[in-house]
Amino acid sequence: MYVVDGARSPNPNLARPEMELAAIATGLRAPGVCCTSQFAPTSPYSNFGRELQILSNQRNGISKRISCSATLSSSTQMTKAISETDVLELENRKYELLTAVQDTQRGLVTTADQRSSIEEALVGVEGYDAGAPIDLVKLNGTWRLQYTSAPDVLILFDSASRFPSLFQVGQIFQNFVCQGHSDGGYVRNVVRWSVPNLLEEQEGATLIVSAKFSIVSQRNIYLQFEEIAIQNIKISEELQALIAPAMLPRSFLSLQILQFIRAFKAQVPVENPGRQSVGGLYYLSYLDSNMLLGRAVGGGGVFVFTRAQNIV
């Protein structure tokens, strides 16, 4: 059981955007360095006040440097002051965006006012990267979903919310592989999920939707989906004990069953009735070393990601 905004919640993932917010906004993580996904399971919001104080101190430091630079007459110092002002403003905008999405359960629970505030915050961040070409070096790596309005993702969250004893949705990632490519690469949409009592909590199995992507304009990529796979099945201790009781001599058959389940992988190609690959346009509206914003072209929803540890 976890404490969320003073109340108890069975879902530790609701706390992760908050912790990610502090890691991103305070600048404690150096650009390009992945953020660990491990957080303390008790009182996930207990350090938020301290993190805000760290952010306040950092902002004050930037403000002092700006003030000192502004008193000097050299054009170099003035240019530096303007640059640091822009950096401070951008970090403020990113912080406001993560603050706006933190209590939405990754987009599942939002009011009209919240959606309006989130859209305003999104546009505020997107304006700092408008028109710049996609940087594949920055895009490469793993990104954790913090918020979305995409119906095909929200239906997963809604199903897990309605039937928590049957289905759980853990972390969701996008993993881009761009190394060695100049005009595209590969992307994997990774969903960690579970079935209570049968699989390990939150991350009992992994659903992966793989696609090739190609850059079709400065900010648009075209996704060509190739395969859906289910793998990394981790059965619960209760089910393991049922298959191969620890107190009894484990038979060769029971051990083979456990090994088969752990190594199981189901793969299905993604094709439409015309036997052609399914695809779609994805607009990358903002990208830096620790935040990725995207919009599915055609009204498919918005996405807010933050940098995460690389996944295998």
C-alpha atoms as a PDB file:
ATOM      1  CA  MET A   1       0.000   0.000   0.000  1.00  0.00           C
ATOM      2  CA  TYR A   2       1.353   3.424  -0.955  1.00  0.00           C
ATOM      3  CA  VAL A   3       0.596   6.958   0.181  1.00  0.00           C
ATOM      4  CA  VAL A   4      -0.499   9.324  -2.593  1.00  0.00           C
ATOM      5  CA  ASP A   5      -1.494  12.899  -1.706  1.00  0.00           C
ATOM      6  CA  GLY A   6      -2.194  11.858   1.865  1.00  0.00           C
ATOM      7  CA  ALA A   7      -4.362   8.902   0.825  1.00  0.00           C
ATOM      8  CA  ARG A   8      -3.474   5.252   0.398  1.00  0.00           C
ATOM      9  CA  SER A   9      -3.156   3.798  -3.072  1.00  0.00           C
ATOM     10  CA  PRO A  10      -2.384   0.205  -4.152  1.00  0.00           C
ATOM     11  CA  ASN A  11      -0.597   1.408  -7.279  1.00  0.00           C
ATOM     12  CA  PRO A  12       3.054   2.495  -6.871  1.00  0.00           C
ATOM     13  CA  ASN A  13       3.166   3.756 -10.473  1.00  0.00           C
ATOM     14  CA  LEU A  14       0.994   6.746  -9.607  1.00  0.00           C
ATOM     15  CA  ALA A  15       3.942   8.137  -7.699  1.00  0.00           C
ATOM     16  CA  ARG A  16       6.491   7.817 -10.470  1.00  0.00           C
ATOM     17  CA  PRO A  17       5.582  11.002 -12.426  1.00  0.00           C
ATOM     18  CA  GLU A  18       6.090  12.976  -9.204  1.00  0.00           C
ATOM     19  CA  MET A  19       9.546  11.566  -8.617  1.00  0.00           C
ATOM     20  CA  GLU A  20      10.408  11.967 -12.305  1.00  0.00           C
ATOM     21  CA  LEU A  21       9.217  15.571 -12.114  1.00  0.00           C
ATOM     22  CA  ALA A  22      11.675  16.311  -9.337  1.00  0.00           C
ATOM     23  CA  ALA A  23      14.539  14.572 -11.143  1.00  0.00           C
ATOM     24  CA  ILE A  24      13.918  16.460 -14.393  1.00  0.00           C
ATOM     25  CA  ALA A  25      13.070  19.885 -13.054  1.00  0.00           C
ATOM     26  CA  THR A  26      15.813  20.169 -10.462  1.00  0.00           C
ATOM     27  CA  GLY A  27      18.523  19.378 -12.969  1.00  0.00           C
ATOM     28  CA  LEU A  28      19.984  16.754 -10.640  1.00  0.00           C
ATOM     29  CA  ARG A  29      20.445  14.469 -13.618  1.00  0.00           C
ATOM     30  CA  ALA A  30      23.027  15.575 -16.133  1.00  0.00           C
ATOM     31  CA  PRO A  31      21.867  15.929 -19.772  1.00  0.00           C
ATOM     32  CA  GLY A  32      21.800  12.583 -21.549  1.00  0.00           C
ATOM     33  CA  VAL A  33      22.142  10.534 -18.366  1.00  0.00           C
ATOM     34  CA  CYS A  34      19.325   8.074 -17.826  1.00  0.00           C
ATOM     35  CA  CYS A  35      17.174   8.285 -14.749  1.00  0.00           C
ATOM     36  CA  THR A  36      16.774   5.139 -12.685  1.00  0.00           C
ATOM     37  CA  SER A  37      13.297   3.738 -12.430  1.00  0.00           C
ATOM     38  CA  GLN A  38      13.735   2.575  -8.845  1.00  0.00           C
ATOM     39  CA  PHE A  39      12.003   4.650  -6.199  1.00  0.00           C
ATOM     40  CA  ALA A  40      11.270   4.053  -2.514  1.00  0.00           C
ATOM     41  CA  PRO A  41       7.891   2.269  -2.169  1.00  0.00           C
ATOM     42  CA  THR A  42       6.881   4.120   0.990  1.00  0.00           C
ATOM     43  CA  SER A  43       5.537   7.672   1.059  1.00  0.00           C
ATOM     44  CA  PRO A  44       6.407   8.455  -2.597  1.00  0.00           C
ATOM     45  CA  TYR A  45       5.637  12.164  -2.211  1.00  0.00           C
ATOM     46  CA  SER A  46       7.545  12.708   1.031  1.00  0.00           C
ATOM     47  CA  ASN A  47      10.595  14.286  -0.668  1.00  0.00           C
ATOM     48  CA  PHE A  48       8.671  16.608  -2.984  1.00  0.00           C
ATOM     49  CA  GLY A  49       9.018  19.653  -0.705  1.00  0.00           C
ATOM     50  CA  ARG A  50      12.772  19.137  -0.523  1.00  0.00           C
ATOM     51  CA  GLU A  51      13.010  18.738  -4.287  1.00  0.00           C
ATOM     52  CA  LEU A  52      11.059  21.965  -4.795  1.00  0.00           C
ATOM     53  CA  GLN A  53      13.510  23.747  -2.486  1.00  0.00           C
ATOM     54  CA  ILE A  54      16.424  22.398  -4.546  1.00  0.00           C
ATOM     55  CA  LEU A  55      14.714  23.667  -7.700  1.00  0.00           C
ATOM     56  CA  SER A  56      14.160  27.058  -6.055  1.00  0.00           C
ATOM     57  CA  ASN A  57      17.841  27.271  -5.135  1.00  0.00           C
ATOM     58  CA  GLN A  58      18.845  26.367  -8.674  1.00  0.00           C
ATOM     59  CA  ARG A  59      16.552  29.021 -10.122  1.00  0.00           C
ATOM     60  CA  ASN A  60      17.943  31.597  -7.719  1.00  0.00           C
ATOM     61  CA  GLY A  61      21.464  30.691  -8.805  1.00  0.00           C
ATOM     62  CA  ILE A  62      20.592  31.182 -12.476  1.00  0.00           C
ATOM     63  CA  SER A  63      18.819  34.448 -11.668  1.00  0.00           C
ATOM     64  CA  LYS A  64      21.915  35.767  -9.822  1.00  0.00           C
ATOM     65  CA  ARG A  65      24.142  34.905 -12.775  1.00  0.00           C
ATOM     66  CA  ILE A  66      21.722  36.693 -15.095  1.00  0.00           C
ATOM     67  CA  SER A  67      21.727  39.762 -12.840  1.00  0.00           C
ATOM     68  CA  CYS A  68      25.532  39.858 -12.696  1.00  0.00           C
ATOM     69  CA  SER A  69      25.820  39.470 -16.467  1.00  0.00           C
ATOM     70  CA  ALA A  70      23.277  42.230 -17.073  1.00  0.00           C
ATOM     71  CA  THR A  71      25.444  44.758 -15.161  1.00  0.00           C
ATOM     72  CA  LEU A  72      28.378  44.211 -17.527  1.00  0.00           C
ATOM     73  CA  SER A  73      28.579  46.087 -20.807  1.00  0.00           C
ATOM     74  CA  SER A  74      30.234  43.449 -22.987  1.00  0.00           C
ATOM     75  CA  SER A  75      28.042  41.910 -25.675  1.00  0.00           C
ATOM     76  CA  THR A  76      29.351  38.432 -24.791  1.00  0.00           C
ATOM     77  CA  GLN A  77      28.109  38.718 -21.225  1.00  0.00           C
ATOM     78  CA  MET A  78      24.750  40.040 -22.406  1.00  0.00           C
ATOM     79  CA  THR A  79      24.363  37.152 -24.824  1.00  0.00           C
ATOM     80  CA  LYS A  80      25.159  34.723 -22.005  1.00  0.00           C
ATOM     81  CA  ALA A  81      22.548  36.395 -19.778  1.00  0.00           C
ATOM     82  CA  ILE A  82      19.892  36.078 -22.490  1.00  0.00           C
ATOM     83  CA  SER A  83      20.780  32.408 -23.021  1.00  0.00           C
ATOM     84  CA  GLU A  84      20.519  31.592 -19.311  1.00  0.00           C
ATOM     85  CA  THR A  85      17.200  33.435 -19.133  1.00  0.00           C
ATOM     86  CA  ASP A  86      15.879  31.223 -21.927  1.00  0.00           C
ATOM     87  CA  VAL A  87      17.155  28.082 -20.155  1.00  0.00           C
ATOM     88  CA  LEU A  88      15.475  29.110 -16.911  1.00  0.00           C
ATOM     89  CA  GLU A  89      12.209  29.874 -18.682  1.00  0.00           C
ATOM     90  CA  LEU A  90      12.266  26.540 -20.525  1.00  0.00           C
ATOM     91  CA  GLU A  91      12.907  24.586 -17.314  1.00  0.00           C
ATOM     92  CA  ASN A  92      10.011  26.454 -15.704  1.00  0.00           C
ATOM     93  CA  ARG A  93       7.740  25.479 -18.606  1.00  0.00           C
ATOM     94  CA  LYS A  94       8.773  21.823 -18.411  1.00  0.00           C
ATOM     95  CA  TYR A  95       8.220  21.843 -14.663  1.00  0.00           C
ATOM     96  CA  GLU A  96       4.743  23.331 -15.123  1.00  0.00           C
ATOM     97  CA  LEU A  97       3.885  20.608 -17.653  1.00  0.00           C
ATOM     98  CA  LEU A  98       4.967  17.748 -15.374  1.00  0.00           C
ATOM     99  CA  THR A  99       3.136  19.400 -12.488  1.00  0.00           C
ATOM    100  CA  ALA A 100      -0.021  19.612 -14.600  1.00  0.00           C
ATOM    101  CA  VAL A 101       0.003  15.887 -15.459  1.00  0.00           C
ATOM    102  CA  GLN A 102       1.193  14.449 -12.146  1.00  0.00           C
ATOM    103  CA  ASP A 103      -2.250  13.775 -10.603  1.00  0.00           C
ATOM    104  CA  THR A 104      -3.938  12.407 -13.742  1.00  0.00           C
ATOM    105  CA  GLN A 105      -2.870   8.757 -13.424  1.00  0.00           C
ATOM    106  CA  ARG A 106      -1.063   9.090 -16.762  1.00  0.00           C
ATOM    107  CA  GLY A 107      -4.139  10.657 -18.371  1.00  0.00           C
ATOM    108  CA  LEU A 108      -6.874   8.351 -17.083  1.00  0.00           C
ATOM    109  CA  VAL A 109      -8.419  10.816 -14.621  1.00  0.00           C
ATOM    110  CA  THR A 110      -8.685  14.370 -15.974  1.00  0.00           C
ATOM    111  CA  THR A 111     -11.225  17.180 -15.850  1.00  0.00           C
ATOM    112  CA  ALA A 112     -11.918  19.634 -18.661  1.00  0.00           C
ATOM    113  CA  ASP A 113      -9.935  22.288 -16.774  1.00  0.00           C
ATOM    114  CA  GLN A 114      -6.987  19.914 -16.330  1.00  0.00           C
ATOM    115  CA  ARG A 115      -6.957  19.012 -20.025  1.00  0.00           C
ATOM    116  CA  SER A 116      -7.014  22.702 -20.910  1.00  0.00           C
ATOM    117  CA  SER A 117      -4.123  23.450 -18.535  1.00  0.00           C
ATOM    118  CA  ILE A 118      -2.129  20.490 -19.862  1.00  0.00           C
ATOM    119  CA  GLU A 119      -2.623  21.574 -23.475  1.00  0.00           C
ATOM    120  CA  GLU A 120      -1.527  25.102 -22.581  1.00  0.00           C
ATOM    121  CA  ALA A 121       1.557  23.758 -20.813  1.00  0.00           C
ATOM    122  CA  LEU A 122       2.341  21.493 -23.783  1.00  0.00           C
ATOM    123  CA  VAL A 123       2.194  24.378 -26.235  1.00  0.00           C
ATOM    124  CA  GLY A 124       4.390  26.424 -23.902  1.00  0.00           C
ATOM    125  CA  VAL A 125       7.159  23.806 -24.044  1.00  0.00           C
ATOM    126  CA  GLU A 126       6.712  22.995 -27.740  1.00  0.00           C
ATOM    127  CA  GLY A 127       7.354  26.622 -28.675  1.00  0.00           C
ATOM    128  CA  TYR A 128      11.006  26.281 -27.647  1.00  0.00           C
ATOM    129  CA  ASP A 129      11.708  23.553 -30.185  1.00  0.00           C
ATOM    130  CA  ALA A 130       9.434  24.584 -33.062  1.00  0.00           C
ATOM    131  CA  GLY A 131      10.838  23.975 -36.529  1.00  0.00           C
ATOM    132  CA  ALA A 132      14.098  22.349 -35.410  1.00  0.00           C
ATOM    133  CA  PRO A 133      14.928  19.068 -37.188  1.00  0.00           C
ATOM    134  CA  ILE A 134      14.727  15.800 -35.258  1.00  0.00           C
ATOM    135  CA  ASP A 135      17.971  14.991 -33.447  1.00  0.00           C
ATOM    136  CA  LEU A 136      18.340  11.204 -33.665  1.00  0.00           C
ATOM    137  CA  VAL A 137      21.165  11.219 -31.134  1.00  0.00           C
ATOM    138  CA  LYS A 138      18.851  12.720 -28.510  1.00  0.00           C
ATOM    139  CA  LEU A 139      15.919  10.553 -29.571  1.00  0.00           C
ATOM    140  CA  ASN A 140      17.892   7.334 -29.210  1.00  0.00           C
ATOM    141  CA  GLY A 141      17.159   5.454 -25.989  1.00  0.00           C
ATOM    142  CA  THR A 142      14.254   4.723 -23.656  1.00  0.00           C
ATOM    143  CA  TRP A 143      11.422   7.070 -22.660  1.00  0.00           C
ATOM    144  CA  ARG A 144       8.828   6.528 -19.913  1.00  0.00           C
ATOM    145  CA  LEU A 145       5.212   7.570 -20.489  1.00  0.00           C
ATOM    146  CA  GLN A 146       4.005  10.164 -17.980  1.00  0.00           C
ATOM    147  CA  TYR A 147       0.781  11.278 -19.678  1.00  0.00           C
ATOM    148  CA  THR A 148      -1.323  10.600 -22.753  1.00  0.00           C
ATOM    149  CA  SER A 149      -4.725  11.391 -24.170  1.00  0.00           C
ATOM    150  CA  ALA A 150      -4.516   8.592 -26.776  1.00  0.00           C
ATOM    151  CA  PRO A 151      -7.728   6.500 -26.653  1.00  0.00           C
ATOM    152  CA  ASP A 152      -5.952   3.217 -27.443  1.00  0.00           C
ATOM    153  CA  VAL A 153      -3.720   3.658 -24.374  1.00  0.00           C
ATOM    154  CA  LEU A 154      -6.358   5.078 -22.053  1.00  0.00           C
ATOM    155  CA  ILE A 155      -8.560   2.039 -22.658  1.00  0.00           C
ATOM    156  CA  LEU A 156      -5.799  -0.100 -21.080  1.00  0.00           C
ATOM    157  CA  PHE A 157      -5.700   2.148 -18.017  1.00  0.00           C
ATOM    158  CA  ASP A 158      -9.495   2.143 -17.807  1.00  0.00           C
ATOM    159  CA  SER A 159      -9.689  -1.655 -18.011  1.00  0.00           C
ATOM    160  CA  ALA A 160      -7.109  -2.025 -15.260  1.00  0.00           C
ATOM    161  CA  SER A 161      -8.986   0.510 -13.133  1.00  0.00           C
ATOM    162  CA  ARG A 162     -12.334  -1.244 -13.604  1.00  0.00           C
ATOM    163  CA  PHE A 163     -11.033  -4.777 -13.099  1.00  0.00           C
ATOM    164  CA  PRO A 164      -7.987  -4.516 -10.798  1.00  0.00           C
ATOM    165  CA  SER A 165      -8.323  -8.138  -9.701  1.00  0.00           C
ATOM    166  CA  LEU A 166      -8.029  -9.329 -13.302  1.00  0.00           C
ATOM    167  CA  PHE A 167      -5.596  -6.965 -14.986  1.00  0.00           C
ATOM    168  CA  GLN A 168      -2.799  -4.526 -14.050  1.00  0.00           C
ATOM    169  CA  VAL A 169      -0.887  -2.068 -16.236  1.00  0.00           C
ATOM    170  CA  GLY A 170       2.620  -1.194 -15.102  1.00  0.00           C
ATOM    171  CA  GLN A 171       5.129   1.123 -16.744  1.00  0.00           C
ATOM    172  CA  ILE A 172       4.907   2.017 -20.441  1.00  0.00           C
ATOM    173  CA  PHE A 173       7.982   2.909 -22.480  1.00  0.00           C
ATOM    174  CA  GLN A 174       9.048   3.883 -25.974  1.00  0.00           C
ATOM    175  CA  ASN A 175      12.473   2.595 -26.913  1.00  0.00           C
ATOM    176  CA  PHE A 176      14.053   4.227 -29.979  1.00  0.00           C
ATOM    177  CA  VAL A 177      17.029   2.616 -31.732  1.00  0.00           C
ATOM    178  CA  CYS A 178      18.599   5.224 -33.998  1.00  0.00           C
ATOM    179  CA  GLN A 179      22.305   4.394 -33.925  1.00  0.00           C
ATOM    180  CA  GLY A 180      23.690   3.720 -37.381  1.00  0.00           C
ATOM    181  CA  HIS A 181      20.720   5.417 -39.076  1.00  0.00           C
ATOM    182  CA  SER A 182      20.486   8.896 -40.574  1.00  0.00           C
ATOM    183  CA  ASP A 183      16.847   8.999 -41.605  1.00  0.00           C
ATOM    184  CA  GLY A 184      14.995   6.725 -39.180  1.00  0.00           C
ATOM    185  CA  GLY A 185      15.419   3.586 -37.133  1.00  0.00           C
ATOM    186  CA  TYR A 186      13.333   1.276 -34.979  1.00  0.00           C
ATOM    187  CA  VAL A 187      10.969   1.886 -32.092  1.00  0.00           C
ATOM    188  CA  ARG A 188       9.455  -0.505 -29.559  1.00  0.00           C
ATOM    189  CA  ASN A 189       6.352   0.356 -27.558  1.00  0.00           C
ATOM    190  CA  VAL A 190       6.792  -1.580 -24.309  1.00  0.00           C
ATOM    191  CA  VAL A 191       3.915  -2.221 -21.899  1.00  0.00           C
ATOM    192  CA  ARG A 192       4.526  -3.959 -18.587  1.00  0.00           C
ATOM    193  CA  TRP A 193       1.371  -5.718 -17.361  1.00  0.00           C
ATOM    194  CA  SER A 194       0.205  -8.451 -15.041  1.00  0.00           C
ATOM    195  CA  VAL A 195      -2.602 -10.737 -13.908  1.00  0.00           C
ATOM    196  CA  PRO A 196      -2.894 -10.656 -10.090  1.00  0.00           C
ATOM    197  CA  ASN A 197      -2.066 -13.904  -8.272  1.00  0.00           C
ATOM    198  CA  LEU A 198      -0.841 -15.528 -11.486  1.00  0.00           C
ATOM    199  CA  LEU A 199       1.990 -13.192 -12.482  1.00  0.00           C
ATOM    200  CA  GLU A 200       4.310 -10.894 -10.559  1.00  0.00           C
ATOM    201  CA  GLU A 201       2.708  -7.597  -9.588  1.00  0.00           C
ATOM    202  CA  GLN A 202       2.781  -4.808 -12.228  1.00  0.00           C
ATOM    203  CA  GLU A 203       5.552  -6.385 -14.333  1.00  0.00           C
ATOM    204  CA  GLY A 204       4.509 -10.011 -14.699  1.00  0.00           C
ATOM    205  CA  ALA A 205       4.680  -9.898 -18.493  1.00  0.00           C
ATOM    206  CA  THR A 206       5.752  -7.559 -21.285  1.00  0.00           C
ATOM    207  CA  LEU A 207       3.825  -6.573 -24.407  1.00  0.00           C
ATOM    208  CA  ILE A 208       6.009  -5.145 -27.169  1.00  0.00           C
ATOM    209  CA  VAL A 209       4.749  -3.497 -30.359  1.00  0.00           C
ATOM    210  CA  SER A 210       7.679  -3.086 -32.752  1.00  0.00           C
ATOM    211  CA  ALA A 211       7.877  -0.714 -35.705  1.00  0.00           C
ATOM    212  CA  LYS A 212      10.269   0.781 -38.192  1.00  0.00           C
ATOM    213  CA  PHE A 213      10.216   4.541 -38.448  1.00  0.00           C
ATOM    214  CA  SER A 214      11.422   6.965 -41.078  1.00  0.00           C
ATOM    215  CA  ILE A 215      11.714  10.744 -40.965  1.00  0.00           C
ATOM    216  CA  VAL A 216       9.328  12.229 -43.535  1.00  0.00           C
ATOM    217  CA  SER A 217       9.712  15.908 -42.588  1.00  0.00           C
ATOM    218  CA  GLN A 218      11.581  17.997 -40.037  1.00  0.00           C
ATOM    219  CA  ARG A 219       9.273  16.971 -37.178  1.00  0.00           C
ATOM    220  CA  ASN A 220       7.205  14.050 -38.522  1.00  0.00           C
ATOM    221  CA  ILE A 221       8.096  10.381 -38.480  1.00  0.00           C
ATOM    222  CA  TYR A 222       6.186   7.579 -40.159  1.00  0.00           C
ATOM    223  CA  LEU A 223       5.720   4.417 -38.109  1.00  0.00           C
ATOM    224  CA  GLN A 224       5.393   1.113 -39.934  1.00  0.00           C
ATOM    225  CA  PHE A 225       4.287  -1.454 -37.362  1.00  0.00           C
ATOM    226  CA  GLU A 226       5.762  -4.895 -37.800  1.00  0.00           C
ATOM    227  CA  GLU A 227       5.082  -7.171 -34.853  1.00  0.00           C
ATOM    228  CA  ILE A 228       3.304  -7.652 -31.537  1.00  0.00           C
ATOM    229  CA  ALA A 229       5.040  -9.870 -29.009  1.00  0.00           C
ATOM    230  CA  ILE A 230       4.369 -11.114 -25.475  1.00  0.00           C
ATOM    231  CA  GLN A 231       7.446 -12.151 -23.512  1.00  0.00           C
ATOM    232  CA  ASN A 232       9.311 -11.932 -20.178  1.00  0.00           C
ATOM    233  CA  ILE A 233       6.595 -13.812 -18.301  1.00  0.00           C
ATOM    234  CA  LYS A 234       7.241 -13.890 -14.554  1.00  0.00           C
ATOM    235  CA  ILE A 235       4.783 -16.075 -12.719  1.00  0.00           C
ATOM    236  CA  SER A 236       3.907 -15.399  -9.105  1.00  0.00           C
ATOM    237  CA  GLU A 237       5.409 -17.335  -6.211  1.00  0.00           C
ATOM    238  CA  GLU A 238       1.976 -18.835  -5.512  1.00  0.00           C
ATOM    239  CA  LEU A 239       1.711 -20.242  -9.040  1.00  0.00           C
ATOM    240  CA  GLN A 240       5.302 -21.500  -8.946  1.00  0.00           C
ATOM    241  CA  ALA A 241       4.526 -23.327  -5.712  1.00  0.00           C
ATOM    242  CA  LEU A 242       1.448 -24.879  -7.332  1.00  0.00           C
ATOM    243  CA  ILE A 243       3.386 -26.067 -10.389  1.00  0.00           C
ATOM    244  CA  ALA A 244       6.486 -27.198  -8.523  1.00  0.00           C
ATOM    245  CA  PRO A 245       5.998 -27.326  -4.730  1.00  0.00           C
ATOM    246  CA  ALA A 246       9.166 -26.365  -2.883  1.00  0.00           C
ATOM    247  CA  MET A 247       8.570 -28.926  -0.112  1.00  0.00           C
ATOM    248  CA  LEU A 248       8.240 -31.867  -2.477  1.00  0.00           C
ATOM    249  CA  PRO A 249      10.753 -33.367  -4.900  1.00  0.00           C
ATOM    250  CA  ARG A 250      10.379 -31.349  -8.042  1.00  0.00           C
ATOM    251  CA  SER A 251       9.760 -33.624 -11.004  1.00  0.00           C
ATOM    252  CA  PHE A 252      11.453 -33.157 -14.361  1.00  0.00           C
ATOM    253  CA  LEU A 253       8.063 -32.299 -15.898  1.00  0.00           C
ATOM    254  CA  SER A 254       7.268 -29.542 -13.408  1.00  0.00           C
ATOM    255  CA  LEU A 255      10.688 -27.966 -13.888  1.00  0.00           C
ATOM    256  CA  GLN A 256      10.248 -28.129 -17.655  1.00  0.00           C
ATOM    257  CA  ILE A 257       6.894 -26.369 -17.330  1.00  0.00           C
ATOM    258  CA  LEU A 258       8.491 -23.546 -15.311  1.00  0.00           C
ATOM    259  CA  GLN A 259      11.306 -23.210 -17.814  1.00  0.00           C
ATOM    260  CA  PHE A 260       8.862 -23.153 -20.722  1.00  0.00           C
ATOM    261  CA  ILE A 261       6.780 -20.379 -19.132  1.00  0.00           C
ATOM    262  CA  ARG A 262       9.830 -18.238 -18.398  1.00  0.00           C
ATOM    263  CA  ALA A 263      11.166 -18.627 -21.940  1.00  0.00           C
ATOM    264  CA  PHE A 264       7.769 -18.286 -23.633  1.00  0.00           C
ATOM    265  CA  LYS A 265       7.472 -15.675 -26.367  1.00  0.00           C
ATOM    266  CA  ALA A 266       4.521 -15.214 -28.706  1.00  0.00           C
ATOM    267  CA  GLN A 267       4.969 -13.102 -31.837  1.00  0.00           C
ATOM    268  CA  VAL A 268       2.261 -11.954 -34.257  1.00  0.00           C
ATOM    269  CA  PRO A 269       2.916  -9.842 -37.372  1.00  0.00           C
ATOM    270  CA  VAL A 270       0.899  -6.637 -37.650  1.00  0.00           C
ATOM    271  CA  GLU A 271      -0.982  -6.548 -40.944  1.00  0.00           C
ATOM    272  CA  ASN A 272      -4.288  -5.193 -42.203  1.00  0.00           C
ATOM    273  CA  PRO A 273      -6.755  -7.335 -44.203  1.00  0.00           C
ATOM    274  CA  GLY A 274      -4.906  -6.348 -47.400  1.00  0.00           C
ATOM    275  CA  ARG A 275      -1.774  -8.070 -46.018  1.00  0.00           C
ATOM    276  CA  GLN A 276       0.021  -4.717 -45.798  1.00  0.00           C
ATOM    277  CA  SER A 277       1.815  -3.348 -42.773  1.00  0.00           C
ATOM    278  CA  VAL A 278      -0.110  -0.922 -40.568  1.00  0.00           C
ATOM    279  CA  GLY A 279       1.405   2.537 -40.175  1.00  0.00           C
ATOM    280  CA  GLY A 280       0.798   6.042 -38.928  1.00  0.00           C
ATOM    281  CA  LEU A 281       2.271   9.538 -38.645  1.00  0.00           C
ATOM    282  CA  TYR A 282       3.746  10.746 -35.377  1.00  0.00           C
ATOM    283  CA  TYR A 283       4.663  14.390 -34.819  1.00  0.00           C
ATOM    284  CA  LEU A 284       7.580  14.904 -32.411  1.00  0.00           C
ATOM    285  CA  SER A 285       6.685  18.324 -31.081  1.00  0.00           C
ATOM    286  CA  TYR A 286       9.526  18.667 -28.554  1.00  0.00           C
ATOM    287  CA  LEU A 287      12.766  16.809 -27.835  1.00  0.00           C
ATOM    288  CA  ASP A 288      15.716  17.416 -25.546  1.00  0.00           C
ATOM    289  CA  SER A 289      17.981  15.235 -23.405  1.00  0.00           C
ATOM    290  CA  ASN A 290      15.275  14.440 -20.813  1.00  0.00           C
ATOM    291  CA  MET A 291      11.831  15.182 -22.284  1.00  0.00           C
ATOM    292  CA  LEU A 292       9.982  13.976 -25.386  1.00  0.00           C
ATOM    293  CA  LEU A 293       6.587  15.294 -26.470  1.00  0.00           C
ATOM    294  CA  GLY A 294       4.616  13.781 -29.333  1.00  0.00           C
ATOM    295  CA  ARG A 295       1.286  14.087 -31.108  1.00  0.00           C
ATOM    296  CA  ALA A 296      -0.314  11.290 -33.132  1.00  0.00           C
ATOM    297  CA  VAL A 297      -1.329  12.908 -36.411  1.00  0.00           C
ATOM    298  CA  GLY A 298      -5.061  12.674 -37.066  1.00  0.00           C
ATOM    299  CA  GLY A 299      -6.309  13.308 -33.539  1.00  0.00           C
ATOM    300  CA  GLY A 300      -4.735  10.209 -31.990  1.00  0.00           C
ATOM    301  CA  GLY A 301      -3.736  12.002 -28.797  1.00  0.00           C
ATOM    302  CA  VAL A 302      -0.711  13.606 -27.168  1.00  0.00           C
ATOM    303  CA  PHE A 303       2.149  11.958 -25.301  1.00  0.00           C
ATOM    304  CA  VAL A 304       4.499  13.192 -22.573  1.00  0.00           C
ATOM    305  CA  PHE A 305       7.644  11.123 -21.986  1.00  0.00           C
ATOM    306  CA  THR A 306      10.685  11.538 -19.778  1.00  0.00           C
ATOM    307  CA  ARG A 307      14.049   9.836 -20.132  1.00  0.00           C
ATOM    308  CA  ALA A 308      14.341   6.450 -18.457  1.00  0.00           C
ATOM    309  CA  GLN A 309      16.920   3.717 -18.007  1.00  0.00           C
ATOM    310  CA  ASN A 310      17.566   1.727 -21.126  1.00  0.00           C
ATOM    311  CA  ILE A 311      15.618  -1.517 -21.261  1.00  0.00           C
ATOM    312  CA  VAL A 312      16.687  -4.759 -22.887  1.00  0.00           C
END
